[in-house]
N, C-alpha and C. Protein backbone atom coordinates (compact mmCIF):
# COMPACT_ATOMS: atom_id res chain seq x y z
N MET A 1 0.73 -0.93 0.18
CA MET A 1 0.31 0.18 -0.14
C MET A 1 0.35 1.39 0.06
N ILE A 2 0.48 2.20 -0.82
CA ILE A 2 1.64 3.25 -0.78
C ILE A 2 0.50 4.55 -0.21
N TYR A 3 1.01 5.29 0.39
CA TYR A 3 0.39 6.56 0.83
C TYR A 3 0.56 7.72 0.78
N TYR A 4 -0.30 8.58 -0.17
CA TYR A 4 0.27 9.79 -0.75
C TYR A 4 -0.71 10.78 0.65
N VAL A 5 0.40 11.59 1.50
CA VAL A 5 0.14 11.92 2.08
C VAL A 5 -0.04 13.72 2.07
N ILE A 6 -1.35 14.15 2.26
CA ILE A 6 -1.17 15.86 1.88
C ILE A 6 -0.99 16.56 3.61
N PRO A 7 -0.45 17.65 3.63
CA PRO A 7 -0.50 18.28 4.29
C PRO A 7 -1.15 18.98 5.29
N PRO A 8 -1.98 19.11 6.26
CA PRO A 8 -3.03 20.17 6.12
C PRO A 8 -3.20 21.47 5.36
N GLU A 9 -2.36 22.13 5.39
CA GLU A 9 -2.31 23.97 4.80
C GLU A 9 -2.63 23.54 3.22
N LEU A 10 -2.19 22.30 2.10
CA LEU A 10 -2.55 22.12 0.91
C LEU A 10 -3.47 21.46 0.50
N GLU A 11 -4.76 21.38 1.92
CA GLU A 11 -5.96 20.33 1.54
C GLU A 11 -7.01 21.00 0.23
N GLU A 12 -7.05 22.10 0.77
CA GLU A 12 -7.86 22.64 -0.32
C GLU A 12 -7.58 23.13 -1.36
N THR A 13 -6.14 22.75 -1.82
CA THR A 13 -5.89 22.99 -3.27
C THR A 13 -5.50 21.62 -3.75
N TYR A 14 -5.21 20.50 -2.61
CA TYR A 14 -4.44 19.65 -4.22
C TYR A 14 -5.67 18.29 -3.54
N PHE A 15 -6.23 18.05 -2.46
CA PHE A 15 -6.85 16.68 -1.69
C PHE A 15 -7.32 16.04 -3.01
N GLU A 16 -8.18 16.92 -3.16
CA GLU A 16 -9.13 16.08 -4.12
C GLU A 16 -9.44 15.97 -5.46
N GLU A 17 -8.27 17.25 -5.79
CA GLU A 17 -7.34 16.98 -7.43
C GLU A 17 -6.64 15.66 -7.18
N PHE A 18 -5.83 14.86 -6.01
CA PHE A 18 -4.91 14.04 -6.45
C PHE A 18 -6.10 12.56 -6.00
N ARG A 19 -6.95 12.66 -5.09
CA ARG A 19 -7.99 11.73 -4.65
C ARG A 19 -8.26 11.39 -6.19
N LYS A 20 -9.01 12.02 -6.83
CA LYS A 20 -9.56 11.55 -7.93
C LYS A 20 -8.80 11.15 -9.28
N ARG A 21 -7.52 11.40 -9.15
CA ARG A 21 -6.65 10.97 -9.60
C ARG A 21 -5.82 9.62 -9.59
N PHE A 22 -6.06 9.39 -8.10
CA PHE A 22 -5.46 7.72 -7.41
C PHE A 22 -6.27 6.95 -7.51
N GLU A 23 -8.00 7.31 -7.64
CA GLU A 23 -9.01 6.24 -7.18
C GLU A 23 -9.05 4.78 -7.60
N ASN A 24 -8.80 5.30 -8.93
CA ASN A 24 -8.60 4.07 -9.56
C ASN A 24 -7.37 3.09 -10.25
N VAL A 25 -6.66 3.73 -8.68
CA VAL A 25 -5.24 2.70 -9.54
C VAL A 25 -4.97 1.83 -7.57
N GLU A 26 -4.91 0.79 -8.07
CA GLU A 26 -5.01 -0.19 -7.28
C GLU A 26 -3.54 -0.26 -6.21
N GLY A 27 -3.58 0.21 -4.64
CA GLY A 27 -2.56 0.14 -3.85
C GLY A 27 -2.29 1.27 -3.78
N VAL A 28 -2.91 2.19 -3.23
CA VAL A 28 -2.48 3.92 -3.97
C VAL A 28 -3.88 4.50 -3.11
N GLU A 29 -3.28 5.32 -1.46
CA GLU A 29 -4.57 5.99 -0.67
C GLU A 29 -4.46 7.21 -0.60
N VAL A 30 -5.19 7.95 -1.32
CA VAL A 30 -4.47 9.68 -0.84
C VAL A 30 -5.14 9.86 1.08
N ILE A 31 -4.23 10.49 1.79
CA ILE A 31 -5.03 11.05 3.05
C ILE A 31 -4.30 12.56 3.36
N LEU A 32 -4.95 13.13 4.57
CA LEU A 32 -4.80 14.29 4.80
C LEU A 32 -3.90 13.77 6.60
N ASP A 33 -3.14 14.49 6.15
CA ASP A 33 -2.24 14.22 7.49
C ASP A 33 -2.61 15.52 8.48
N ARG A 34 -2.93 14.49 9.91
CA ARG A 34 -3.65 15.26 10.48
C ARG A 34 -3.03 15.05 11.78
N ARG A 35 -1.36 14.78 11.90
CA ARG A 35 -0.70 15.22 13.44
C ARG A 35 -0.65 16.98 13.30
N SER A 36 -0.93 17.13 15.14
CA SER A 36 -0.89 17.89 15.33
C SER A 36 1.00 18.53 15.43
N SER A 37 1.81 17.80 16.03
CA SER A 37 2.99 18.08 16.33
C SER A 37 3.77 17.67 16.16
N GLU A 38 5.14 16.96 16.44
CA GLU A 38 6.18 15.98 16.46
C GLU A 38 5.76 15.37 17.41
N ARG A 39 5.72 13.75 16.75
CA ARG A 39 6.15 12.86 18.08
C ARG A 39 7.54 12.22 18.51
N ARG A 40 7.85 12.72 17.46
CA ARG A 40 9.94 12.48 18.18
C ARG A 40 10.33 12.79 18.59
N THR A 41 10.34 13.84 19.07
CA THR A 41 11.46 15.00 19.74
C THR A 41 11.78 14.81 21.25
N ASP A 42 10.81 13.92 21.85
CA ASP A 42 10.82 13.68 22.91
C ASP A 42 11.28 12.86 23.98
N GLN A 43 12.89 12.96 24.66
CA GLN A 43 14.06 12.01 24.69
C GLN A 43 13.30 10.22 25.06
N ASP A 44 12.37 10.64 25.66
CA ASP A 44 11.68 9.74 26.78
C ASP A 44 11.01 8.97 25.36
N HIS A 45 10.12 9.04 24.13
CA HIS A 45 9.97 8.23 23.26
C HIS A 45 10.15 8.20 22.01
N GLY A 46 11.78 7.73 21.67
CA GLY A 46 11.51 7.24 20.41
C GLY A 46 12.51 8.34 19.81
N GLY A 47 12.56 9.84 20.83
CA GLY A 47 13.72 10.80 20.74
C GLY A 47 15.36 10.19 20.74
N GLN A 48 15.36 9.12 20.95
CA GLN A 48 17.11 8.37 21.75
C GLN A 48 17.98 8.64 20.26
N ARG A 49 17.56 7.97 19.16
CA ARG A 49 18.76 7.90 18.36
C ARG A 49 19.96 8.89 18.37
N VAL A 50 21.26 8.08 17.86
CA VAL A 50 22.63 8.71 17.64
C VAL A 50 23.03 8.40 16.64
N LEU A 51 22.84 8.81 15.99
CA LEU A 51 23.17 8.93 14.40
C LEU A 51 25.06 9.34 14.46
N ARG A 52 25.74 7.73 14.54
CA ARG A 52 26.58 7.67 14.22
C ARG A 52 27.39 7.39 12.45
N ASP A 53 28.82 7.68 12.70
CA ASP A 53 29.27 7.41 10.93
C ASP A 53 29.63 6.37 11.26
N ARG A 54 29.00 5.44 10.23
CA ARG A 54 29.38 3.96 9.59
C ARG A 54 30.43 3.63 8.85
N ARG A 55 30.80 4.88 8.46
CA ARG A 55 31.81 4.38 7.22
C ARG A 55 33.35 4.04 7.73
N ARG A 56 34.44 3.17 6.95
CA ARG A 56 35.42 2.53 7.00
C ARG A 56 36.70 3.27 7.04
N ARG A 57 36.99 3.25 8.15
CA ARG A 57 38.46 4.36 8.28
C ARG A 57 39.33 4.09 7.74
N ARG A 58 40.15 5.28 6.91
CA ARG A 58 41.52 4.83 6.35
C ARG A 58 42.46 3.41 7.11
N ALA A 59 43.01 3.21 6.31
CA ALA A 59 44.56 2.29 6.41
C ALA A 59 45.10 2.97 7.15
N PRO A 60 45.75 2.61 8.78
CA PRO A 60 46.80 3.96 8.89
C PRO A 60 47.86 3.95 7.63
N GLY A 61 48.69 4.78 7.95
CA GLY A 61 50.04 5.33 6.95
C GLY A 61 50.60 6.51 6.60
N THR A 62 51.51 6.63 5.86
CA THR A 62 51.23 8.29 5.64
C THR A 62 51.52 8.16 3.75
N PHE A 63 50.26 9.41 3.70
CA PHE A 63 49.96 9.53 1.91
C PHE A 63 51.11 10.54 1.97
N PRO A 64 51.52 10.16 0.42
CA PRO A 64 51.98 11.72 -0.29
C PRO A 64 51.27 12.64 -0.16
N PRO A 65 52.24 13.94 -0.54
CA PRO A 65 51.22 15.42 0.03
C PRO A 65 50.96 15.59 -1.69
N VAL A 66 49.98 16.18 -1.69
CA VAL A 66 49.42 16.98 -2.38
C VAL A 66 49.63 17.94 -3.34
């Protein structure tokens, strides 16, 4: 299932247009975003993600001057 989410401030402009455009497409649903605030900012509820640099470090050694 693919959800096409329309923000509330663009509802009047795009919601009906996209709903009609995708009404005959199987697996696509146009919905209106009704969230009133961001849910992931609180450290107690899901805001604990720590971004890490997962790239491989270079081999130690000397490199020629550029």
